[in-house]
């Protein structure tokens, strides 16, 4: 048995298609459409299969070549921990061999193999299954992908559908610790993997905080229709992630309270720390949601300031032109007015116009109706 069952095309494509239709969507990674805020599949129908095999023992974390499942049994020994990270599209033969290796039922195999539309936890007699949604973060939040977990006493399987590096921080940290991993258990490893996913949400908060500050600056400088659309987008994205984080917090809480023999006291304690972080994430996203609603108040205030500026300009124009218009209207009538025949009447009339307009501007300024700053 070797890599022959890692073929991109399964043995029975029709059978795979029928199984895929039983799920809400057929891709484990969905990207944002920031115009419509719909989640669209962002993976091709077939993704190159990859299997990363890690062994944790008294020598620390080591990367081993994956040959077959019999090799895993011989490598693990009595106290070793095997971590198999599966990505891409794998054939039916691989999943049959995995089910045989871990004694998985058809339901468990289906749970581990396919993506799910929400995060949840399930306990079985032979292990624990849970699935989490992980954001993919660059300069912007690009997508949300599904990662499935199945944990037994000495083996943990992580199923990812894309090739994004999901657990690089955990791998580097465990490799750096080396011999200090004596007595390390599989539940503690799962806690560190969950913590890695939680930290990606922290990156989302960092990116989101920067975006909210940028939107607020734009609103203060120039509130307009584009800024209103940005506020609406921010509110919808925050709501999407809040609905994603809530189930993660519930899953971690269920794991920390699980009484399965796989969970040790030390592992339960570390899962409790993860739950505290997940609760903090929920509170932070709720805070960001409140901030996005407050941006609407800032937007309305900005519009009010623009209206005040417009009113001030119109007031200045009216102050400058209405008094001269009145004076010109009086002396432009077709009646016999004595002042019309004065030698300096024209200049006296212009001076009166300027004095009245200047006096009105000075009065408005002293009363605080005009602010030229």
Protein backbone atom coordinates (compact mmCIF):
# COMPACT_ATOMS: atom_id res chain seq x y z
CA UNK A 1 0.00 0.00 0.00
CA UNK A 2 1.48 3.36 -1.02
CA UNK A 3 0.56 6.59 -2.74
CA UNK A 4 -1.57 4.94 -5.39
CA UNK A 5 -4.76 5.87 -3.54
CA UNK A 6 -3.86 9.59 -3.58
CA UNK A 7 -5.00 9.95 -7.18
CA UNK A 8 -6.87 13.14 -7.96
CA UNK A 9 -9.69 11.21 -9.62
CA UNK A 10 -11.46 8.78 -7.26
CA UNK A 11 -12.33 5.29 -8.32
CA UNK A 12 -15.99 6.17 -8.72
CA UNK A 13 -16.71 9.77 -9.67
CA UNK A 14 -20.47 9.25 -9.76
CA UNK A 15 -20.47 7.94 -6.21
CA UNK A 16 -18.48 10.97 -5.05
CA UNK A 17 -20.90 13.35 -6.75
CA UNK A 18 -23.88 11.72 -5.07
CA UNK A 19 -22.25 12.04 -1.68
CA UNK A 20 -21.35 15.69 -2.33
CA UNK A 21 -25.00 16.54 -3.04
CA UNK A 22 -25.95 15.50 0.48
CA UNK A 23 -24.06 18.49 1.89
CA UNK A 24 -25.00 22.20 1.73
CA UNK A 25 -21.96 23.05 -0.42
CA UNK A 26 -19.23 21.10 -2.13
CA UNK A 27 -16.17 23.20 -1.33
CA UNK A 28 -14.29 23.57 1.93
CA UNK A 29 -13.18 27.13 1.23
CA UNK A 30 -15.41 30.05 0.34
CA UNK A 31 -14.28 33.55 -0.54
CA UNK A 32 -15.99 36.90 -0.07
CA UNK A 33 -17.70 38.80 -2.83
CA UNK A 34 -17.49 42.29 -1.33
CA UNK A 35 -20.09 43.63 -3.75
CA UNK A 36 -22.88 41.21 -2.86
CA UNK A 37 -21.43 39.69 0.35
CA UNK A 38 -22.17 36.22 -0.89
CA UNK A 39 -19.81 33.37 -0.03
CA UNK A 40 -18.64 31.78 -3.27
CA UNK A 41 -16.59 28.55 -3.59
CA UNK A 42 -12.96 29.41 -4.24
CA UNK A 43 -11.47 25.95 -4.82
CA UNK A 44 -11.45 23.91 -8.03
CA UNK A 45 -13.30 20.62 -8.18
CA UNK A 46 -10.02 18.76 -7.76
CA UNK A 47 -7.20 19.96 -5.52
CA UNK A 48 -3.79 18.30 -5.43
CA UNK A 49 -3.74 15.81 -2.51
CA UNK A 50 -1.10 16.21 0.18
CA UNK A 51 -0.50 14.30 3.40
CA UNK A 52 1.74 15.64 6.14
CA UNK A 53 2.70 13.14 8.80
CA UNK A 54 4.04 14.34 12.18
CA UNK A 55 5.23 12.15 15.04
CA UNK A 56 5.44 13.40 18.63
CA UNK A 57 7.50 11.31 21.03
CA UNK A 58 10.24 11.76 23.62
CA UNK A 59 12.45 13.30 20.91
CA UNK A 60 9.95 16.06 20.13
CA UNK A 61 8.02 16.73 16.94
CA UNK A 62 9.43 15.24 13.76
CA UNK A 63 8.19 15.21 10.18
CA UNK A 64 7.98 11.70 8.74
CA UNK A 65 7.30 10.55 5.18
CA UNK A 66 3.86 9.03 4.85
CA UNK A 67 4.05 5.60 3.22
CA UNK A 68 1.06 3.72 4.56
CA UNK A 69 -0.92 3.29 7.78
CA UNK A 70 1.04 0.21 8.83
CA UNK A 71 4.12 2.40 8.93
CA UNK A 72 2.32 4.81 11.28
CA UNK A 73 1.57 1.99 13.71
CA UNK A 74 5.20 0.93 13.81
CA UNK A 75 6.45 4.51 14.22
CA UNK A 76 4.09 5.44 17.02
CA UNK A 77 5.11 2.80 19.51
CA UNK A 78 3.39 2.81 22.90
CA UNK A 79 3.50 6.48 23.90
CA UNK A 80 3.95 8.34 20.61
CA UNK A 81 1.36 10.65 19.10
CA UNK A 82 0.59 10.64 15.38
CA UNK A 83 -0.73 13.72 13.67
CA UNK A 84 -1.92 13.32 10.08
CA UNK A 85 -2.73 16.56 8.25
CA UNK A 86 -4.68 15.83 5.06
CA UNK A 87 -5.28 18.47 2.39
CA UNK A 88 -6.71 18.47 -1.10
CA UNK A 89 -8.83 15.88 -2.89
CA UNK A 90 -8.04 12.28 -2.02
CA UNK A 91 -9.40 9.11 -3.57
CA UNK A 92 -11.84 6.60 -2.10
CA UNK A 93 -9.08 4.10 -1.41
CA UNK A 94 -7.34 6.46 1.00
CA UNK A 95 -10.51 7.04 3.00
CA UNK A 96 -11.23 3.32 3.19
CA UNK A 97 -7.73 2.67 4.52
CA UNK A 98 -8.05 5.55 6.99
CA UNK A 99 -11.40 4.23 8.22
CA UNK A 100 -9.85 0.80 8.67
CA UNK A 101 -6.82 2.24 10.49
CA UNK A 102 -8.90 4.33 12.93
CA UNK A 103 -11.94 2.03 13.10
CA UNK A 104 -14.24 4.70 11.67
CA UNK A 105 -17.85 4.07 10.83
CA UNK A 106 -19.36 5.28 7.56
CA UNK A 107 -20.88 8.26 9.38
CA UNK A 108 -17.54 9.20 10.95
CA UNK A 109 -15.76 8.85 7.62
CA UNK A 110 -18.33 11.10 5.98
CA UNK A 111 -18.00 13.70 8.74
CA UNK A 112 -14.23 13.77 8.38
CA UNK A 113 -14.13 13.70 4.59
CA UNK A 114 -16.61 16.41 3.60
CA UNK A 115 -16.98 20.10 4.52
CA UNK A 116 -19.69 21.43 6.82
CA UNK A 117 -21.59 24.70 6.82
CA UNK A 118 -21.04 25.37 10.54
CA UNK A 119 -18.72 24.48 13.41
CA UNK A 120 -19.92 21.69 15.70
CA UNK A 121 -18.73 18.92 18.03
CA UNK A 122 -19.70 15.24 18.27
CA UNK A 123 -18.54 12.53 20.64
CA UNK A 124 -18.22 8.86 19.66
CA UNK A 125 -17.19 5.73 21.48
CA UNK A 126 -13.87 5.59 19.62
CA UNK A 127 -12.96 9.28 19.59
CA UNK A 128 -14.02 12.89 19.25
CA UNK A 129 -14.96 14.77 16.10
CA UNK A 130 -15.27 18.51 15.64
CA UNK A 131 -15.10 20.95 12.77
CA UNK A 132 -14.09 24.62 12.87
CA UNK A 133 -14.21 27.45 10.39
CA UNK A 134 -10.91 29.26 9.92
CA UNK A 135 -10.51 32.66 8.23
CA UNK A 136 -7.81 33.21 5.64
CA UNK A 137 -6.25 36.61 6.29
CA UNK A 138 -3.84 38.62 4.17
CA UNK A 139 -4.00 42.36 3.67
CA UNK A 140 -7.75 41.80 3.70
CA UNK A 141 -9.94 38.95 4.91
CA UNK A 142 -9.95 36.72 1.84
CA UNK A 143 -12.00 33.63 2.68
CA UNK A 144 -13.33 31.22 5.30
CA UNK A 145 -12.35 27.57 5.12
CA UNK A 146 -13.45 24.45 6.96
CA UNK A 147 -11.06 22.24 8.95
CA UNK A 148 -12.26 18.89 10.33
CA UNK A 149 -10.70 17.09 13.31
CA UNK A 150 -10.92 13.53 14.58
CA UNK A 151 -9.03 12.61 17.73
CA UNK A 152 -8.41 9.25 19.36
CA UNK A 153 -6.13 8.33 22.24
CA UNK A 154 -2.88 8.50 20.25
CA UNK A 155 -3.88 9.81 16.81
CA UNK A 156 -5.34 13.07 15.56
CA UNK A 157 -6.44 13.67 11.98
CA UNK A 158 -6.87 17.19 10.61
CA UNK A 159 -8.71 17.53 7.32
CA UNK A 160 -8.19 20.75 5.34
CA UNK A 161 -9.53 21.36 1.84
CA UNK A 162 -7.07 24.00 0.64
CA UNK A 163 -3.28 24.21 0.87
CA UNK A 164 -3.22 27.29 3.10
CA UNK A 165 -0.77 26.96 5.99
CA UNK A 166 -3.16 26.55 8.90
CA UNK A 167 -0.94 25.24 11.70
CA UNK A 168 2.51 26.62 10.93
CA UNK A 169 2.78 28.39 14.30
CA UNK A 170 2.00 25.19 16.21
CA UNK A 171 4.51 23.14 14.19
CA UNK A 172 7.30 25.69 14.72
CA UNK A 173 6.53 25.97 18.43
CA UNK A 174 6.54 22.21 19.02
CA UNK A 175 9.72 21.72 17.01
CA UNK A 176 11.44 24.40 19.07
CA UNK A 177 10.45 22.71 22.34
CA UNK A 178 11.94 19.34 21.30
CA UNK A 179 12.70 17.22 24.40
CA UNK A 180 10.42 19.29 26.65
CA UNK A 181 7.45 17.44 25.13
CA UNK A 182 7.90 14.52 27.52
CA UNK A 183 4.44 13.41 28.66
CA UNK A 184 2.73 15.40 25.92
CA UNK A 185 -0.78 14.11 25.14
CA UNK A 186 -2.96 14.25 22.05
CA UNK A 187 -5.58 16.46 23.72
CA UNK A 188 -2.94 19.10 24.45
CA UNK A 189 -1.94 18.98 20.79
CA UNK A 190 -5.56 19.52 19.79
CA UNK A 191 -5.73 22.51 22.17
CA UNK A 192 -2.70 24.05 20.45
CA UNK A 193 -4.23 23.46 17.02
CA UNK A 194 -7.46 25.12 18.13
CA UNK A 195 -5.46 28.00 19.57
CA UNK A 196 -3.80 28.43 16.17
CA UNK A 197 -7.23 28.83 14.56
CA UNK A 198 -8.36 31.26 17.25
CA UNK A 199 -5.29 33.41 16.60
CA UNK A 200 -6.32 33.78 12.95
CA UNK A 201 -9.49 35.47 14.21
CA UNK A 202 -7.26 37.84 16.17
CA UNK A 203 -5.61 38.73 12.85
CA UNK A 204 -9.09 39.40 11.49
CA UNK A 205 -9.68 41.81 14.38
CA UNK A 206 -6.41 43.61 13.62
CA UNK A 207 -7.29 44.01 9.95
CA UNK A 208 -10.85 44.98 10.83
CA UNK A 209 -9.73 47.59 13.37
CA UNK A 210 -7.50 49.23 10.77
CA UNK A 211 -10.34 49.24 8.23
CA UNK A 212 -12.77 50.80 10.72
CA UNK A 213 -10.27 53.57 11.52
CA UNK A 214 -9.80 54.22 7.80
CA UNK A 215 -13.56 54.40 7.25
CA UNK A 216 -13.95 56.77 10.19
CA UNK A 217 -11.22 59.06 8.83
CA UNK A 218 -12.89 59.14 5.42
CA UNK A 219 -16.26 59.92 7.00
CA UNK A 220 -14.82 62.81 8.99
CA UNK A 221 -13.05 64.27 5.95
CA UNK A 222 -15.75 63.75 3.34
CA UNK A 223 -18.97 61.88 4.19
CA UNK A 224 -20.70 60.68 1.06
CA UNK A 225 -22.44 57.75 -0.62
CA UNK A 226 -19.25 55.70 -0.91
CA UNK A 227 -18.59 56.09 2.81
CA UNK A 228 -22.15 54.99 3.56
CA UNK A 229 -21.57 51.86 1.46
CA UNK A 230 -18.33 51.19 3.36
CA UNK A 231 -20.20 51.35 6.66
CA UNK A 232 -22.79 48.90 5.35
CA UNK A 233 -20.05 46.52 4.16
CA UNK A 234 -18.23 46.70 7.48
CA UNK A 235 -21.41 45.88 9.39
CA UNK A 236 -22.17 42.88 7.20
CA UNK A 237 -18.62 41.47 7.34
CA UNK A 238 -18.52 41.83 11.14
CA UNK A 239 -21.87 40.07 11.39
CA UNK A 240 -20.60 37.21 9.21
CA UNK A 241 -17.58 36.68 11.44
CA UNK A 242 -19.61 37.03 14.62
CA UNK A 243 -21.83 34.19 13.40
CA UNK A 244 -18.66 32.21 12.65
CA UNK A 245 -16.99 32.81 16.03
CA UNK A 246 -20.00 31.92 18.16
CA UNK A 247 -20.01 28.21 17.12
CA UNK A 248 -16.22 28.04 17.61
CA UNK A 249 -16.67 29.16 21.21
CA UNK A 250 -19.41 26.54 21.68
CA UNK A 251 -17.21 23.76 20.25
CA UNK A 252 -14.27 24.63 22.50
CA UNK A 253 -16.58 24.76 25.53
CA UNK A 254 -17.95 21.30 24.66
CA UNK A 255 -14.42 19.91 24.34
CA UNK A 256 -13.31 21.38 27.66
CA UNK A 257 -16.33 19.86 29.42
CA UNK A 258 -16.13 16.51 27.64
CA UNK A 259 -15.63 13.54 29.96
CA UNK A 260 -14.14 11.28 27.31
CA UNK A 261 -11.08 9.30 28.43
CA UNK A 262 -9.06 10.98 25.66
CA UNK A 263 -9.24 14.34 27.49
CA UNK A 264 -6.80 14.58 30.40
CA UNK A 265 -6.91 17.15 33.19
CA UNK A 266 -3.97 19.04 31.70
CA UNK A 267 -5.61 19.00 28.28
CA UNK A 268 -8.93 20.14 29.77
CA UNK A 269 -7.11 23.04 31.42
CA UNK A 270 -5.52 24.13 28.14
CA UNK A 271 -8.85 23.77 26.34
CA UNK A 272 -10.28 26.01 29.06
CA UNK A 273 -7.69 28.64 28.15
CA UNK A 274 -8.76 28.32 24.51
CA UNK A 275 -12.38 28.78 25.55
CA UNK A 276 -11.47 31.97 27.42
CA UNK A 277 -9.78 33.28 24.27
CA UNK A 278 -12.79 32.33 22.16
CA UNK A 279 -15.12 34.17 24.56
CA UNK A 280 -12.85 37.22 24.35
CA UNK A 281 -13.09 37.00 20.56
CA UNK A 282 -16.88 36.98 20.70
CA UNK A 283 -16.86 40.05 22.95
CA UNK A 284 -14.38 41.83 20.67
CA UNK A 285 -16.48 41.14 17.57
CA UNK A 286 -19.54 42.43 19.42
CA UNK A 287 -17.53 45.54 20.30
CA UNK A 288 -16.58 45.95 16.65
CA UNK A 289 -20.21 45.58 15.67
CA UNK A 290 -21.11 48.38 18.09
CA UNK A 291 -18.29 50.47 16.62
CA UNK A 292 -19.66 49.93 13.12
CA UNK A 293 -23.07 51.16 14.28
CA UNK A 294 -21.41 54.18 15.89
CA UNK A 295 -19.85 54.95 12.52
CA UNK A 296 -23.36 55.72 11.30
CA UNK A 297 -23.64 58.38 14.02
CA UNK A 298 -20.29 59.78 12.87
CA UNK A 299 -21.60 59.76 9.31
CA UNK A 300 -24.75 61.67 10.29
CA UNK A 301 -22.65 64.14 12.26
CA UNK A 302 -20.37 64.59 9.25
CA UNK A 303 -23.36 65.30 7.04
CA UNK A 304 -24.54 67.83 9.62
CA UNK A 305 -21.17 69.57 9.51
CA UNK A 306 -21.28 69.71 5.72
CA UNK A 307 -24.79 71.15 5.91
CA UNK A 308 -23.60 73.78 8.38
CA UNK A 309 -20.73 74.73 6.07
CA UNK A 310 -23.12 75.03 3.14
CA UNK A 311 -25.50 77.14 5.20
CA UNK A 312 -22.63 79.40 6.27
CA UNK A 313 -21.56 79.97 2.67
CA UNK A 314 -25.12 80.73 1.60
CA UNK A 315 -25.46 83.13 4.52
CA UNK A 316 -22.33 84.97 3.45
CA UNK A 317 -23.61 85.24 -0.11
CA UNK A 318 -27.00 86.49 1.07
CA UNK A 319 -25.36 88.99 3.42
CA UNK A 320 -23.17 90.36 0.66
CA UNK A 321 -25.83 90.71 -2.02
CA UNK A 322 -29.22 91.26 -0.37
CA UNK A 323 -28.54 94.75 1.13
CA UNK A 324 -26.96 96.10 -2.08
CA UNK A 325 -29.85 94.62 -4.03
CA UNK A 326 -32.33 96.43 -1.76
CA UNK A 327 -30.51 99.77 -2.07
CA UNK A 328 -30.14 99.38 -5.83
CA UNK A 329 -33.81 98.48 -6.09
CA UNK A 330 -34.87 101.60 -4.23
CA UNK A 331 -32.75 103.98 -6.29
CA UNK A 332 -33.58 102.17 -9.49
CA UNK A 333 -37.28 103.02 -9.31
CA UNK A 334 -38.76 105.35 -11.93
CA UNK A 335 -39.70 108.03 -9.42
CA UNK A 336 -38.21 111.47 -8.95
CA UNK A 337 -35.68 110.86 -6.16
CA UNK A 338 -33.61 113.87 -5.08
CA UNK A 339 -30.46 111.87 -4.28
CA UNK A 340 -30.27 110.61 -7.83
CA UNK A 341 -29.15 114.02 -9.08
CA UNK A 342 -26.37 114.49 -6.53
CA UNK A 343 -22.83 114.72 -7.91
CA UNK A 344 -21.48 112.09 -5.48
CA UNK A 345 -24.71 110.08 -5.23
CA UNK A 346 -23.33 107.03 -7.06
CA UNK A 347 -20.29 106.76 -4.79
CA UNK A 348 -22.34 107.40 -1.66
CA UNK A 349 -24.70 104.57 -2.70
CA UNK A 350 -21.81 102.12 -3.25
CA UNK A 351 -20.29 103.06 0.10
CA UNK A 352 -23.63 102.51 1.81
CA UNK A 353 -23.93 99.08 0.20
CA UNK A 354 -20.46 98.01 1.36
CA UNK A 355 -20.95 99.40 4.86
CA UNK A 356 -24.26 97.62 5.35
CA UNK A 357 -22.89 94.27 4.04
CA UNK A 358 -19.69 94.56 6.09
CA UNK A 359 -21.66 95.48 9.19
CA UNK A 360 -23.92 92.47 8.82
CA UNK A 361 -20.93 90.13 8.37
CA UNK A 362 -19.27 91.60 11.45
CA UNK A 363 -22.46 91.16 13.47
CA UNK A 364 -22.89 87.51 12.37
CA UNK A 365 -19.23 86.82 13.20
CA UNK A 366 -19.44 88.34 16.69
CA UNK A 367 -22.62 86.39 17.44
CA UNK A 368 -20.89 83.11 16.46
CA UNK A 369 -23.04 82.32 13.43
CA UNK A 370 -20.00 82.24 11.14
CA UNK A 371 -16.85 80.21 11.77
CA UNK A 372 -14.10 80.56 9.16
CA UNK A 373 -11.69 78.08 10.82
